[in-house]
Amino acid sequence: MQQKTLRIVLTGAPGCGKGTQARLLREKADICHLSTGEMLRAEALKDTPLGKSLKKSLDKGEFATDEMIIEMVSKRIDEKDCRNGFILDGFPRTLPQAEALEKILKQKNIKLDYVIEIQVPDEIIMERILGRYSCAKCGEGYHDKNIKPKIYGVCDKCGGTEFVKRADDNRQTVKNRLVNYRQRTYPTISYFEKLGLLRCVDGTGSIEATAAKIAKIVGLESKK
């Protein structure tokens, strides 16, 4: 049976669960997960003028420039592992980025299938972000309340015993990121709605419940 091609944008406020849902959808749909946040953080670790500038911005909860991200995403979409589809997680963040994405995809003769907004109230987002941490060795994500290791202090994936929190996961930075989202990213929701691509999902339930809703939207609810 031929694999179903899907090109999806997962959007929503910081901490709504985009990354988690993108990874689950990647496994179910067998398509590429493109996390601009991960790509930018990797660049921010480099000892270069760009890396240092990015680190300073990310630690403050600010965003990278549109031009840099657009170029990065455009090149990534051209790679072989994206031919059967992709999930964009963390892009587009601004209306110019959304418009640029449409232009880029048109030039490549491909179309988005869905833009899925995961909706979660700010107070729940704050709790989720402040409680999350990851394995220092493999990067596996956890949460103080929602996703704990099966054995206390031991990573389920690699057995590591050291864990870290992101430098920008603090209350003031989260507030800044939510303000940035309302001002800069939320206009993209209306943009995609007008294009007929937008689907909204209540993300306040369990990870599994949200994943099931997304799978139903993209036609993968019965796929094992």
C-alpha atoms as a PDB file:
ATOM      1  CA  MET A   1       0.000   0.000   0.000  1.00  0.00           C
ATOM      2  CA  GLN A   2       1.333   3.423  -0.946  1.00  0.00           C
ATOM      3  CA  GLN A   3       2.226   5.674   1.965  1.00  0.00           C
ATOM      4  CA  LYS A   4      -0.103   8.599   2.517  1.00  0.00           C
ATOM      5  CA  THR A   5       1.683  11.895   1.878  1.00  0.00           C
ATOM      6  CA  LEU A   6       0.973  14.518   4.526  1.00  0.00           C
ATOM      7  CA  ARG A   7       2.305  18.042   4.886  1.00  0.00           C
ATOM      8  CA  ILE A   8       1.207  19.520   8.190  1.00  0.00           C
ATOM      9  CA  VAL A   9       1.818  22.568  10.354  1.00  0.00           C
ATOM     10  CA  LEU A  10       1.311  22.101  14.097  1.00  0.00           C
ATOM     11  CA  THR A  11       0.773  25.447  15.795  1.00  0.00           C
ATOM     12  CA  GLY A  12      -0.275  26.857  19.151  1.00  0.00           C
ATOM     13  CA  ALA A  13       1.154  28.733  22.108  1.00  0.00           C
ATOM     14  CA  PRO A  14       4.501  27.715  23.655  1.00  0.00           C
ATOM     15  CA  GLY A  15       3.975  24.684  25.870  1.00  0.00           C
ATOM     16  CA  CYS A  16       0.741  23.543  24.199  1.00  0.00           C
ATOM     17  CA  GLY A  17       2.327  20.201  23.292  1.00  0.00           C
ATOM     18  CA  LYS A  18       3.364  20.755  19.669  1.00  0.00           C
ATOM     19  CA  GLY A  19       6.658  18.912  20.020  1.00  0.00           C
ATOM     20  CA  THR A  20       5.158  15.889  21.763  1.00  0.00           C
ATOM     21  CA  GLN A  21       2.280  15.621  19.302  1.00  0.00           C
ATOM     22  CA  ALA A  22       4.610  16.097  16.334  1.00  0.00           C
ATOM     23  CA  ARG A  23       6.762  13.182  17.480  1.00  0.00           C
ATOM     24  CA  LEU A  24       3.717  10.930  17.946  1.00  0.00           C
ATOM     25  CA  LEU A  25       2.333  11.929  14.551  1.00  0.00           C
ATOM     26  CA  ARG A  26       5.723  11.340  12.947  1.00  0.00           C
ATOM     27  CA  GLU A  27       5.689   7.752  14.188  1.00  0.00           C
ATOM     28  CA  LYS A  28       2.106   7.167  13.088  1.00  0.00           C
ATOM     29  CA  ALA A  29       2.394   8.796   9.653  1.00  0.00           C
ATOM     30  CA  ASP A  30       6.058   7.839   9.047  1.00  0.00           C
ATOM     31  CA  ILE A  31       6.955  11.333   7.870  1.00  0.00           C
ATOM     32  CA  CYS A  32       9.629  13.844   8.832  1.00  0.00           C
ATOM     33  CA  HIS A  33       9.310  16.012  11.958  1.00  0.00           C
ATOM     34  CA  LEU A  34      10.855  19.440  11.415  1.00  0.00           C
ATOM     35  CA  SER A  35      11.289  21.239  14.732  1.00  0.00           C
ATOM     36  CA  THR A  36      12.613  24.728  14.088  1.00  0.00           C
ATOM     37  CA  GLY A  37      13.154  25.121  17.824  1.00  0.00           C
ATOM     38  CA  GLU A  38      15.535  22.158  17.901  1.00  0.00           C
ATOM     39  CA  MET A  39      17.356  23.369  14.792  1.00  0.00           C
ATOM     40  CA  LEU A  40      17.764  26.841  16.267  1.00  0.00           C
ATOM     41  CA  ARG A  41      18.898  25.550  19.666  1.00  0.00           C
ATOM     42  CA  ALA A  42      21.508  23.375  17.942  1.00  0.00           C
ATOM     43  CA  GLU A  43      22.782  26.456  16.136  1.00  0.00           C
ATOM     44  CA  ALA A  44      22.751  28.419  19.407  1.00  0.00           C
ATOM     45  CA  LEU A  45      25.208  25.930  20.921  1.00  0.00           C
ATOM     46  CA  LYS A  46      27.815  26.775  18.291  1.00  0.00           C
ATOM     47  CA  ASP A  47      30.572  29.211  19.187  1.00  0.00           C
ATOM     48  CA  THR A  48      29.856  31.543  16.276  1.00  0.00           C
ATOM     49  CA  PRO A  49      28.508  35.129  16.096  1.00  0.00           C
ATOM     50  CA  LEU A  50      25.158  33.724  14.894  1.00  0.00           C
ATOM     51  CA  GLY A  51      25.121  31.047  17.598  1.00  0.00           C
ATOM     52  CA  LYS A  52      25.882  33.545  20.356  1.00  0.00           C
ATOM     53  CA  SER A  53      23.228  35.951  19.093  1.00  0.00           C
ATOM     54  CA  LEU A  54      20.666  33.168  18.903  1.00  0.00           C
ATOM     55  CA  LYS A  55      21.457  31.956  22.417  1.00  0.00           C
ATOM     56  CA  LYS A  56      20.976  35.456  23.808  1.00  0.00           C
ATOM     57  CA  SER A  57      17.594  35.795  22.076  1.00  0.00           C
ATOM     58  CA  LEU A  58      16.343  32.311  22.993  1.00  0.00           C
ATOM     59  CA  ASP A  59      17.302  32.726  26.658  1.00  0.00           C
ATOM     60  CA  LYS A  60      15.143  35.856  26.736  1.00  0.00           C
ATOM     61  CA  GLY A  61      12.214  34.079  25.098  1.00  0.00           C
ATOM     62  CA  GLU A  62      12.619  36.079  21.892  1.00  0.00           C
ATOM     63  CA  PHE A  63      12.443  34.743  18.332  1.00  0.00           C
ATOM     64  CA  ALA A  64      15.077  34.481  15.600  1.00  0.00           C
ATOM     65  CA  THR A  65      14.677  36.642  12.485  1.00  0.00           C
ATOM     66  CA  ASP A  66      12.160  35.613   9.834  1.00  0.00           C
ATOM     67  CA  GLU A  67      14.745  35.611   7.055  1.00  0.00           C
ATOM     68  CA  MET A  68      17.058  33.156   8.793  1.00  0.00           C
ATOM     69  CA  ILE A  69      14.291  30.717   9.701  1.00  0.00           C
ATOM     70  CA  ILE A  70      12.646  30.855   6.257  1.00  0.00           C
ATOM     71  CA  GLU A  71      15.925  30.007   4.537  1.00  0.00           C
ATOM     72  CA  MET A  72      16.612  27.198   7.000  1.00  0.00           C
ATOM     73  CA  VAL A  73      13.159  25.633   6.535  1.00  0.00           C
ATOM     74  CA  SER A  74      13.224  25.955   2.746  1.00  0.00           C
ATOM     75  CA  LYS A  75      16.509  24.060   2.506  1.00  0.00           C
ATOM     76  CA  ARG A  76      15.328  21.404   4.950  1.00  0.00           C
ATOM     77  CA  ILE A  77      12.132  20.696   2.989  1.00  0.00           C
ATOM     78  CA  ASP A  78      14.251  19.927  -0.084  1.00  0.00           C
ATOM     79  CA  GLU A  79      16.030  17.058   1.648  1.00  0.00           C
ATOM     80  CA  LYS A  80      15.229  13.488   0.681  1.00  0.00           C
ATOM     81  CA  ASP A  81      13.539  12.465   3.942  1.00  0.00           C
ATOM     82  CA  CYS A  82      10.833  15.108   3.403  1.00  0.00           C
ATOM     83  CA  ARG A  83       9.633  13.770   0.050  1.00  0.00           C
ATOM     84  CA  ASN A  84       6.810  11.751   1.608  1.00  0.00           C
ATOM     85  CA  GLY A  85       5.702  14.639   3.782  1.00  0.00           C
ATOM     86  CA  PHE A  86       6.638  16.581   6.883  1.00  0.00           C
ATOM     87  CA  ILE A  87       5.356  18.091  10.106  1.00  0.00           C
ATOM     88  CA  LEU A  88       6.393  21.684  10.738  1.00  0.00           C
ATOM     89  CA  ASP A  89       6.659  22.298  14.479  1.00  0.00           C
ATOM     90  CA  GLY A  90       7.394  25.888  15.524  1.00  0.00           C
ATOM     91  CA  PHE A  91       7.080  27.406  12.055  1.00  0.00           C
ATOM     92  CA  PRO A  92       5.592  29.683  10.858  1.00  0.00           C
ATOM     93  CA  ARG A  93       5.690  31.955  13.909  1.00  0.00           C
ATOM     94  CA  THR A  94       4.792  35.220  12.165  1.00  0.00           C
ATOM     95  CA  LEU A  95       2.477  36.358   9.394  1.00  0.00           C
ATOM     96  CA  PRO A  96       5.428  37.125   7.062  1.00  0.00           C
ATOM     97  CA  GLN A  97       6.721  33.593   7.729  1.00  0.00           C
ATOM     98  CA  ALA A  98       3.290  32.135   6.908  1.00  0.00           C
ATOM     99  CA  GLU A  99       3.134  34.098   3.677  1.00  0.00           C
ATOM    100  CA  ALA A 100       6.716  33.093   2.845  1.00  0.00           C
ATOM    101  CA  LEU A 101       5.900  29.442   3.493  1.00  0.00           C
ATOM    102  CA  GLU A 102       3.008  29.569   1.025  1.00  0.00           C
ATOM    103  CA  LYS A 103       5.309  31.152  -1.549  1.00  0.00           C
ATOM    104  CA  ILE A 104       8.075  28.604  -0.955  1.00  0.00           C
ATOM    105  CA  LEU A 105       5.720  25.632  -1.227  1.00  0.00           C
ATOM    106  CA  LYS A 106       4.129  27.040  -4.385  1.00  0.00           C
ATOM    107  CA  GLN A 107       7.574  27.342  -5.958  1.00  0.00           C
ATOM    108  CA  LYS A 108       8.278  23.724  -5.019  1.00  0.00           C
ATOM    109  CA  ASN A 109       4.863  22.696  -6.414  1.00  0.00           C
ATOM    110  CA  ILE A 110       3.658  21.224  -3.124  1.00  0.00           C
ATOM    111  CA  LYS A 111       0.750  22.137  -0.843  1.00  0.00           C
ATOM    112  CA  LEU A 112      -0.010  22.038   2.847  1.00  0.00           C
ATOM    113  CA  ASP A 113      -2.724  19.568   3.846  1.00  0.00           C
ATOM    114  CA  TYR A 114      -3.546  20.847   7.332  1.00  0.00           C
ATOM    115  CA  VAL A 115      -2.657  23.527   9.845  1.00  0.00           C
ATOM    116  CA  ILE A 116      -3.605  22.164  13.267  1.00  0.00           C
ATOM    117  CA  GLU A 117      -3.852  24.557  16.211  1.00  0.00           C
ATOM    118  CA  ILE A 118      -3.538  22.936  19.641  1.00  0.00           C
ATOM    119  CA  GLN A 119      -5.545  25.117  22.028  1.00  0.00           C
ATOM    120  CA  VAL A 120      -4.517  25.270  25.713  1.00  0.00           C
ATOM    121  CA  PRO A 121      -5.237  28.048  28.291  1.00  0.00           C
ATOM    122  CA  ASP A 122      -2.293  30.121  29.535  1.00  0.00           C
ATOM    123  CA  GLU A 123      -2.483  28.867  33.131  1.00  0.00           C
ATOM    124  CA  ILE A 124      -2.102  25.243  32.007  1.00  0.00           C
ATOM    125  CA  ILE A 125       0.718  26.214  29.661  1.00  0.00           C
ATOM    126  CA  MET A 126       2.590  27.860  32.531  1.00  0.00           C
ATOM    127  CA  GLU A 127       2.281  24.706  34.653  1.00  0.00           C
ATOM    128  CA  ARG A 128       3.421  22.500  31.789  1.00  0.00           C
ATOM    129  CA  ILE A 129       6.489  24.551  30.894  1.00  0.00           C
ATOM    130  CA  LEU A 130       7.715  25.144  34.451  1.00  0.00           C
ATOM    131  CA  GLY A 131       7.480  21.431  35.191  1.00  0.00           C
ATOM    132  CA  ARG A 132       9.273  20.039  32.159  1.00  0.00           C
ATOM    133  CA  TYR A 133      12.861  18.754  32.010  1.00  0.00           C
ATOM    134  CA  SER A 134      14.904  16.366  29.882  1.00  0.00           C
ATOM    135  CA  CYS A 135      17.633  13.746  30.037  1.00  0.00           C
ATOM    136  CA  ALA A 136      21.030  15.424  29.709  1.00  0.00           C
ATOM    137  CA  LYS A 137      22.357  12.425  27.772  1.00  0.00           C
ATOM    138  CA  CYS A 138      19.704  11.669  25.129  1.00  0.00           C
ATOM    139  CA  GLY A 139      17.265  14.584  25.368  1.00  0.00           C
ATOM    140  CA  GLU A 140      14.197  12.497  26.274  1.00  0.00           C
ATOM    141  CA  GLY A 141      11.544  14.806  27.734  1.00  0.00           C
ATOM    142  CA  TYR A 142       9.807  14.491  31.107  1.00  0.00           C
ATOM    143  CA  HIS A 143       7.540  16.494  33.414  1.00  0.00           C
ATOM    144  CA  ASP A 144       7.313  16.827  37.199  1.00  0.00           C
ATOM    145  CA  LYS A 145       3.632  15.788  37.162  1.00  0.00           C
ATOM    146  CA  ASN A 146       2.602  14.479  33.770  1.00  0.00           C
ATOM    147  CA  ILE A 147       5.521  12.428  32.411  1.00  0.00           C
ATOM    148  CA  LYS A 148       7.796  10.965  35.070  1.00  0.00           C
ATOM    149  CA  PRO A 149      10.506   8.320  34.472  1.00  0.00           C
ATOM    150  CA  LYS A 150       9.350   4.799  35.323  1.00  0.00           C
ATOM    151  CA  ILE A 151      12.246   4.584  37.779  1.00  0.00           C
ATOM    152  CA  TYR A 152      12.899   7.762  39.762  1.00  0.00           C
ATOM    153  CA  GLY A 153      16.040   9.540  38.567  1.00  0.00           C
ATOM    154  CA  VAL A 154      16.663   7.180  35.650  1.00  0.00           C
ATOM    155  CA  CYS A 155      15.887   7.977  32.014  1.00  0.00           C
ATOM    156  CA  ASP A 156      13.516   5.440  30.427  1.00  0.00           C
ATOM    157  CA  LYS A 157      15.223   5.726  27.048  1.00  0.00           C
ATOM    158  CA  CYS A 158      18.963   5.573  27.758  1.00  0.00           C
ATOM    159  CA  GLY A 159      19.359   4.951  31.494  1.00  0.00           C
ATOM    160  CA  GLY A 160      20.971   8.325  32.087  1.00  0.00           C
ATOM    161  CA  THR A 161      20.804   9.806  35.592  1.00  0.00           C
ATOM    162  CA  GLU A 162      21.402  13.488  34.858  1.00  0.00           C
ATOM    163  CA  PHE A 163      18.526  15.781  33.926  1.00  0.00           C
ATOM    164  CA  VAL A 164      18.374  19.402  32.814  1.00  0.00           C
ATOM    165  CA  LYS A 165      15.873  22.218  32.381  1.00  0.00           C
ATOM    166  CA  ARG A 166      15.974  24.689  29.516  1.00  0.00           C
ATOM    167  CA  ALA A 167      17.397  28.076  30.520  1.00  0.00           C
ATOM    168  CA  ASP A 168      14.291  29.814  29.151  1.00  0.00           C
ATOM    169  CA  ASP A 169      11.834  27.699  31.161  1.00  0.00           C
ATOM    170  CA  ASN A 170      11.225  30.211  33.945  1.00  0.00           C
ATOM    171  CA  ARG A 171       8.079  32.141  34.861  1.00  0.00           C
ATOM    172  CA  GLN A 172       9.061  35.565  33.500  1.00  0.00           C
ATOM    173  CA  THR A 173      10.396  34.177  30.232  1.00  0.00           C
ATOM    174  CA  VAL A 174       7.265  32.089  29.753  1.00  0.00           C
ATOM    175  CA  LYS A 175       5.157  35.230  30.232  1.00  0.00           C
ATOM    176  CA  ASN A 176       7.301  36.994  27.621  1.00  0.00           C
ATOM    177  CA  ARG A 177       6.902  34.102  25.204  1.00  0.00           C
ATOM    178  CA  LEU A 178       3.112  34.104  25.607  1.00  0.00           C
ATOM    179  CA  VAL A 179       2.976  37.846  24.948  1.00  0.00           C
ATOM    180  CA  ASN A 180       5.156  37.350  21.872  1.00  0.00           C
ATOM    181  CA  TYR A 181       2.841  34.580  20.711  1.00  0.00           C
ATOM    182  CA  ARG A 182      -0.289  36.732  20.987  1.00  0.00           C
ATOM    183  CA  GLN A 183       1.348  39.627  19.175  1.00  0.00           C
ATOM    184  CA  ARG A 184       3.359  37.835  16.497  1.00  0.00           C
ATOM    185  CA  THR A 185       2.113  34.289  15.957  1.00  0.00           C
ATOM    186  CA  TYR A 186      -1.630  34.424  16.521  1.00  0.00           C
ATOM    187  CA  PRO A 187      -2.276  36.407  13.286  1.00  0.00           C
ATOM    188  CA  THR A 188      -1.112  33.317  11.360  1.00  0.00           C
ATOM    189  CA  ILE A 189      -4.163  31.445  12.676  1.00  0.00           C
ATOM    190  CA  SER A 190      -6.564  33.752  10.831  1.00  0.00           C
ATOM    191  CA  TYR A 191      -4.350  33.606   7.754  1.00  0.00           C
ATOM    192  CA  PHE A 192      -4.528  29.811   7.515  1.00  0.00           C
ATOM    193  CA  GLU A 193      -8.224  29.833   8.400  1.00  0.00           C
ATOM    194  CA  LYS A 194      -8.909  31.991   5.349  1.00  0.00           C
ATOM    195  CA  LEU A 195      -6.976  29.485   3.228  1.00  0.00           C
ATOM    196  CA  GLY A 196      -9.263  26.707   4.497  1.00  0.00           C
ATOM    197  CA  LEU A 197      -6.385  24.800   6.105  1.00  0.00           C
ATOM    198  CA  LEU A 198      -7.043  25.397   9.800  1.00  0.00           C
ATOM    199  CA  ARG A 199      -8.267  22.694  12.184  1.00  0.00           C
ATOM    200  CA  CYS A 200      -8.493  23.287  15.951  1.00  0.00           C
ATOM    201  CA  VAL A 201      -7.878  20.714  18.684  1.00  0.00           C
ATOM    202  CA  ASP A 202      -8.521  20.978  22.434  1.00  0.00           C
ATOM    203  CA  GLY A 203      -5.139  20.136  23.970  1.00  0.00           C
ATOM    204  CA  THR A 204      -6.132  20.277  27.651  1.00  0.00           C
ATOM    205  CA  GLY A 205      -6.666  16.514  27.939  1.00  0.00           C
ATOM    206  CA  SER A 206      -4.124  13.736  28.065  1.00  0.00           C
ATOM    207  CA  ILE A 207      -1.361  13.374  25.483  1.00  0.00           C
ATOM    208  CA  GLU A 208      -3.117  10.276  24.128  1.00  0.00           C
ATOM    209  CA  ALA A 209      -6.490  12.044  23.829  1.00  0.00           C
ATOM    210  CA  THR A 210      -4.984  14.954  21.923  1.00  0.00           C
ATOM    211  CA  ALA A 211      -3.041  12.589  19.667  1.00  0.00           C
ATOM    212  CA  ALA A 212      -6.243  10.695  18.845  1.00  0.00           C
ATOM    213  CA  LYS A 213      -7.990  13.927  17.840  1.00  0.00           C
ATOM    214  CA  ILE A 214      -5.122  14.905  15.557  1.00  0.00           C
ATOM    215  CA  ALA A 215      -4.949  11.429  14.012  1.00  0.00           C
ATOM    216  CA  LYS A 216      -8.661  11.621  13.217  1.00  0.00           C
ATOM    217  CA  ILE A 217      -8.244  14.979  11.488  1.00  0.00           C
ATOM    218  CA  VAL A 218      -5.465  13.720   9.206  1.00  0.00           C
ATOM    219  CA  GLY A 219      -7.154  10.383   8.520  1.00  0.00           C
ATOM    220  CA  LEU A 220      -4.812   8.138  10.501  1.00  0.00           C
ATOM    221  CA  GLU A 221      -7.001   7.170  13.440  1.00  0.00           C
ATOM    222  CA  SER A 222      -7.123   3.478  12.469  1.00  0.00           C
ATOM    223  CA  LYS A 223      -3.446   3.107  11.589  1.00  0.00           C
ATOM    224  CA  LYS A 224      -1.396   1.105  14.076  1.00  0.00           C
END
